[in-house]
Amino acid sequence: FPYTTLFRSNEANSSVIGKSAGPFGFEYGMTQQQLIKLVGKEAVKKTTDHSIEVTTAPRPHPAFESYVLFISPDKGLLKVVALGKDISTNGFGDAVSSQFSEMQTAITKLYGDPTTSYDRVQTGSLWNEPQDWMMGLLKNERSLVSFWNLKSAPVNHILIIELEAHALSTENGYNSVGYEFEGWEAFVDARKAKADSNF
């Protein structure tokens, strides 16, 4: 399937991001009720006091199996995380890193080059050989990440985009992409302050 259309809101003109071009069709500020109405109650996989996980999207993409939506009671939808389907791979992580590169290219076409992008292993890690790539990822001693900081010029209220590779085992992994909207950091800080006040 074409990764170049991964986050495209207008297939005829990928260089234009429309006013209603939230990632996968999820819009900044949507309420939980609006989001559930969009995807249907049967698509709701899990709920918490501030998030819902759904198995589809208004504009779903076949690379992803679910979408976690973080919702503020007063600000609405503030973050979207798309979780990729499991990928069978080898110890080198070829299939995971290949899909990661294709996703990075797709996002770059819409939002420009990543602010930061790296594939690095921790100093002193035992899993520093090419064939240990997945083991390093599994042990949280390797990171494959691309990060877009749009704070100086937000796009449809999006401030941060983060693409990251994950390992489930040395033979299986997946990629995720997260979109943080305006107000997300303040929401997280407020929740932390509330929790800290319990000490």
Foldseek 3Di string as FASTA:
>chain_A
DQLLCQQAPDPVDRQDQDLQRDGLRDAWQAAPVRQCVLQDPVQFDDDDPFKTKGQAGNRGDQQFRIKIFGADPPGGTFKIKTWGDKDFDALLCVVAVVVLVSNQVNVCSHQNHFPDWDWDFAPPDPQPDSSNSLVRQAVVRIWGKTKHACCVPDDSQWGIKMKTKHHPDSGMTTIMIMTGGPPPVVVVVVVVVVVVVVD
